[in-house]
């Protein structure tokens, strides 16, 4: 049962594109100590929810997914 969690809401014009870029990572997630869920609310809000058994697993999952969101957003601004 998860003891730690974090919830982020990103308001961006590229919410759907960023969500689709995260899907492969979300589907292939294999870390038994954490679970990550992502969805789009409305047309411009990307929601990222991470649960973990311990704080180290939470930090590791957040480092990875926040970086992926950042890179995907930067690529949308460049394109």
N, C-alpha and C. Protein backbone atom coordinates (compact mmCIF):
# COMPACT_ATOMS: atom_id res chain seq x y z
N UNK A 1 0.84 -1.18 0.00
CA UNK A 1 0.00 0.00 0.00
C UNK A 1 0.89 1.25 0.00
N UNK A 2 0.62 2.18 -0.92
CA UNK A 2 1.45 3.38 -1.00
C UNK A 2 1.33 4.25 0.25
N UNK A 3 2.47 4.74 0.70
CA UNK A 3 2.48 5.62 1.86
C UNK A 3 2.79 7.06 1.47
N UNK A 4 3.30 7.25 0.28
CA UNK A 4 3.69 8.58 -0.18
C UNK A 4 3.07 8.82 -1.55
N UNK A 5 2.68 10.07 -1.79
CA UNK A 5 2.12 10.39 -3.10
C UNK A 5 2.35 11.85 -3.44
N UNK A 6 2.32 12.11 -4.73
CA UNK A 6 2.46 13.47 -5.24
C UNK A 6 1.50 13.63 -6.41
N UNK A 7 0.92 14.81 -6.51
CA UNK A 7 -0.03 15.11 -7.57
C UNK A 7 0.35 16.45 -8.19
N UNK A 8 0.53 16.44 -9.50
CA UNK A 8 0.89 17.66 -10.23
C UNK A 8 -0.15 17.92 -11.30
N UNK A 9 -0.50 19.18 -11.49
CA UNK A 9 -1.37 19.60 -12.60
C UNK A 9 -0.59 20.63 -13.41
N UNK A 10 -0.39 20.31 -14.69
CA UNK A 10 0.32 21.19 -15.60
C UNK A 10 -0.69 21.80 -16.55
N UNK A 11 -0.80 23.10 -16.55
CA UNK A 11 -1.70 23.77 -17.48
C UNK A 11 -0.88 24.18 -18.70
N UNK A 12 -1.21 23.57 -19.85
CA UNK A 12 -0.45 23.79 -21.07
C UNK A 12 -1.34 23.56 -22.28
N UNK A 13 -1.04 24.24 -23.36
CA UNK A 13 -1.76 24.03 -24.61
C UNK A 13 -1.43 22.68 -25.23
N UNK A 14 -0.39 22.03 -24.74
CA UNK A 14 0.09 20.77 -25.32
C UNK A 14 -0.22 19.57 -24.43
N UNK A 15 -1.20 19.66 -23.57
CA UNK A 15 -1.48 18.60 -22.60
C UNK A 15 -1.68 17.24 -23.27
N UNK A 16 -2.47 17.19 -24.33
CA UNK A 16 -2.74 15.92 -24.99
C UNK A 16 -1.49 15.35 -25.65
N UNK A 17 -0.70 16.20 -26.29
CA UNK A 17 0.53 15.72 -26.94
C UNK A 17 1.54 15.22 -25.91
N UNK A 18 1.66 15.92 -24.80
CA UNK A 18 2.59 15.48 -23.76
C UNK A 18 2.12 14.16 -23.16
N UNK A 19 0.82 14.05 -22.93
CA UNK A 19 0.25 12.80 -22.40
C UNK A 19 0.59 11.63 -23.33
N UNK A 20 0.37 11.82 -24.63
CA UNK A 20 0.65 10.74 -25.57
C UNK A 20 2.14 10.39 -25.62
N UNK A 21 3.00 11.37 -25.38
CA UNK A 21 4.44 11.08 -25.37
C UNK A 21 4.85 10.30 -24.11
N UNK A 22 4.07 10.43 -23.04
CA UNK A 22 4.37 9.70 -21.80
C UNK A 22 3.81 8.28 -21.80
N UNK A 23 2.83 7.99 -22.65
CA UNK A 23 2.17 6.69 -22.63
C UNK A 23 3.12 5.49 -22.67
N UNK A 24 4.12 5.45 -23.54
CA UNK A 24 5.01 4.27 -23.54
C UNK A 24 5.68 4.04 -22.18
N UNK A 25 6.10 5.10 -21.52
CA UNK A 25 6.73 4.96 -20.21
C UNK A 25 5.72 4.50 -19.16
N UNK A 26 4.51 4.98 -19.25
CA UNK A 26 3.47 4.60 -18.29
C UNK A 26 3.07 3.14 -18.46
N UNK A 27 3.04 2.65 -19.69
CA UNK A 27 2.64 1.28 -19.96
C UNK A 27 3.74 0.28 -19.61
N UNK A 28 4.99 0.69 -19.70
CA UNK A 28 6.12 -0.21 -19.45
C UNK A 28 6.67 -0.10 -18.03
N UNK A 29 6.00 0.62 -17.18
CA UNK A 29 6.51 0.83 -15.83
C UNK A 29 6.59 -0.50 -15.09
N UNK A 30 7.77 -0.79 -14.52
CA UNK A 30 7.98 -2.09 -13.87
C UNK A 30 8.46 -1.97 -12.43
N UNK A 31 8.56 -0.77 -11.92
CA UNK A 31 9.05 -0.60 -10.55
C UNK A 31 7.95 -1.03 -9.57
N UNK A 32 8.20 -2.07 -8.78
CA UNK A 32 7.16 -2.54 -7.85
C UNK A 32 6.95 -1.60 -6.65
N UNK A 33 7.84 -0.64 -6.46
CA UNK A 33 7.73 0.25 -5.30
C UNK A 33 6.95 1.53 -5.59
N UNK A 34 6.61 1.77 -6.87
CA UNK A 34 5.87 2.99 -7.20
C UNK A 34 4.90 2.73 -8.36
N UNK A 35 3.92 3.60 -8.44
CA UNK A 35 2.94 3.54 -9.53
C UNK A 35 2.68 4.97 -9.99
N UNK A 36 2.65 5.16 -11.29
CA UNK A 36 2.43 6.48 -11.86
C UNK A 36 1.21 6.44 -12.76
N UNK A 37 0.35 7.43 -12.60
CA UNK A 37 -0.85 7.56 -13.43
C UNK A 37 -0.85 8.96 -14.02
N UNK A 38 -1.32 9.05 -15.24
CA UNK A 38 -1.34 10.33 -15.93
C UNK A 38 -2.62 10.40 -16.75
N UNK A 39 -3.21 11.59 -16.82
CA UNK A 39 -4.40 11.80 -17.63
C UNK A 39 -4.53 13.28 -17.96
N UNK A 40 -5.44 13.56 -18.89
CA UNK A 40 -5.71 14.93 -19.32
C UNK A 40 -7.08 15.33 -18.81
N UNK A 41 -7.16 16.49 -18.19
CA UNK A 41 -8.43 17.04 -17.74
C UNK A 41 -8.78 18.21 -18.66
N UNK A 42 -9.97 18.16 -19.22
CA UNK A 42 -10.37 19.23 -20.13
C UNK A 42 -9.48 19.24 -21.36
N UNK A 43 -9.15 20.42 -21.83
CA UNK A 43 -8.31 20.52 -23.02
C UNK A 43 -6.91 21.03 -22.74
N UNK A 44 -6.65 21.46 -21.52
CA UNK A 44 -5.35 22.06 -21.27
C UNK A 44 -4.69 21.72 -19.96
N UNK A 45 -5.10 20.64 -19.30
CA UNK A 45 -4.48 20.29 -18.03
C UNK A 45 -4.01 18.84 -18.05
N UNK A 46 -2.72 18.66 -17.85
CA UNK A 46 -2.12 17.34 -17.73
C UNK A 46 -1.96 17.05 -16.24
N UNK A 47 -2.46 15.90 -15.80
CA UNK A 47 -2.37 15.52 -14.39
C UNK A 47 -1.41 14.35 -14.25
N UNK A 48 -0.49 14.46 -13.32
CA UNK A 48 0.49 13.40 -13.03
C UNK A 48 0.35 13.03 -11.57
N UNK A 49 0.06 11.76 -11.30
CA UNK A 49 -0.12 11.27 -9.94
C UNK A 49 0.85 10.11 -9.71
N UNK A 50 1.70 10.24 -8.71
CA UNK A 50 2.70 9.22 -8.40
C UNK A 50 2.49 8.76 -6.96
N UNK A 51 2.43 7.44 -6.78
CA UNK A 51 2.33 6.83 -5.45
C UNK A 51 3.54 5.93 -5.25
N UNK A 52 4.04 5.87 -4.02
CA UNK A 52 5.21 5.03 -3.76
C UNK A 52 5.18 4.50 -2.34
N UNK A 53 5.87 3.38 -2.16
CA UNK A 53 5.95 2.75 -0.84
C UNK A 53 6.90 3.50 0.09
N UNK A 54 7.91 4.14 -0.49
CA UNK A 54 8.88 4.86 0.34
C UNK A 54 9.30 6.14 -0.38
N UNK A 55 9.90 7.02 0.37
CA UNK A 55 10.24 8.34 -0.15
C UNK A 55 11.30 8.28 -1.26
N UNK A 56 12.21 7.33 -1.17
CA UNK A 56 13.24 7.19 -2.21
C UNK A 56 12.61 6.78 -3.54
N UNK A 57 11.65 5.87 -3.50
CA UNK A 57 10.97 5.44 -4.72
C UNK A 57 10.13 6.58 -5.29
N UNK A 58 9.53 7.38 -4.42
CA UNK A 58 8.75 8.54 -4.88
C UNK A 58 9.67 9.54 -5.58
N UNK A 59 10.81 9.82 -4.97
CA UNK A 59 11.76 10.76 -5.56
C UNK A 59 12.25 10.27 -6.91
N UNK A 60 12.57 9.00 -7.01
CA UNK A 60 13.07 8.45 -8.28
C UNK A 60 12.01 8.55 -9.37
N UNK A 61 10.78 8.19 -9.06
CA UNK A 61 9.71 8.26 -10.06
C UNK A 61 9.44 9.70 -10.46
N UNK A 62 9.43 10.60 -9.48
CA UNK A 62 9.20 12.02 -9.80
C UNK A 62 10.32 12.59 -10.65
N UNK A 63 11.55 12.26 -10.32
CA UNK A 63 12.69 12.74 -11.13
C UNK A 63 12.50 12.34 -12.59
N UNK A 64 12.13 11.09 -12.82
CA UNK A 64 11.99 10.61 -14.17
C UNK A 64 10.81 11.27 -14.88
N UNK A 65 9.63 11.24 -14.27
CA UNK A 65 8.45 11.73 -14.97
C UNK A 65 8.41 13.24 -15.09
N UNK A 66 8.90 13.96 -14.11
CA UNK A 66 8.94 15.42 -14.25
C UNK A 66 9.91 15.83 -15.35
N UNK A 67 11.00 15.10 -15.46
CA UNK A 67 11.95 15.37 -16.55
C UNK A 67 11.33 15.07 -17.91
N UNK A 68 10.60 13.95 -18.01
CA UNK A 68 9.95 13.61 -19.27
C UNK A 68 8.90 14.65 -19.67
N UNK A 69 8.14 15.14 -18.71
CA UNK A 69 7.15 16.18 -18.98
C UNK A 69 7.86 17.44 -19.47
N UNK A 70 8.94 17.80 -18.80
CA UNK A 70 9.69 18.99 -19.17
C UNK A 70 10.25 18.89 -20.59
N UNK A 71 10.85 17.76 -20.92
CA UNK A 71 11.42 17.57 -22.25
C UNK A 71 10.32 17.58 -23.31
N UNK A 72 9.22 16.89 -23.05
CA UNK A 72 8.11 16.86 -24.02
C UNK A 72 7.55 18.26 -24.25
N UNK A 73 7.43 19.04 -23.19
CA UNK A 73 6.93 20.40 -23.33
C UNK A 73 7.91 21.26 -24.12
N UNK A 74 9.20 21.14 -23.83
CA UNK A 74 10.22 21.90 -24.57
C UNK A 74 10.20 21.54 -26.05
N UNK A 75 10.01 20.28 -26.38
CA UNK A 75 9.98 19.87 -27.77
C UNK A 75 8.75 20.43 -28.49
N UNK A 76 7.64 20.54 -27.80
CA UNK A 76 6.44 21.11 -28.41
C UNK A 76 6.64 22.60 -28.69
N UNK A 77 7.36 23.28 -27.84
CA UNK A 77 7.61 24.70 -28.05
C UNK A 77 8.58 24.94 -29.20
N UNK A 78 9.50 24.00 -29.41
CA UNK A 78 10.47 24.11 -30.50
C UNK A 78 9.80 23.81 -31.83
N UNK A 79 8.94 22.79 -31.84
CA UNK A 79 8.32 22.33 -33.10
C UNK A 79 7.31 23.33 -33.63
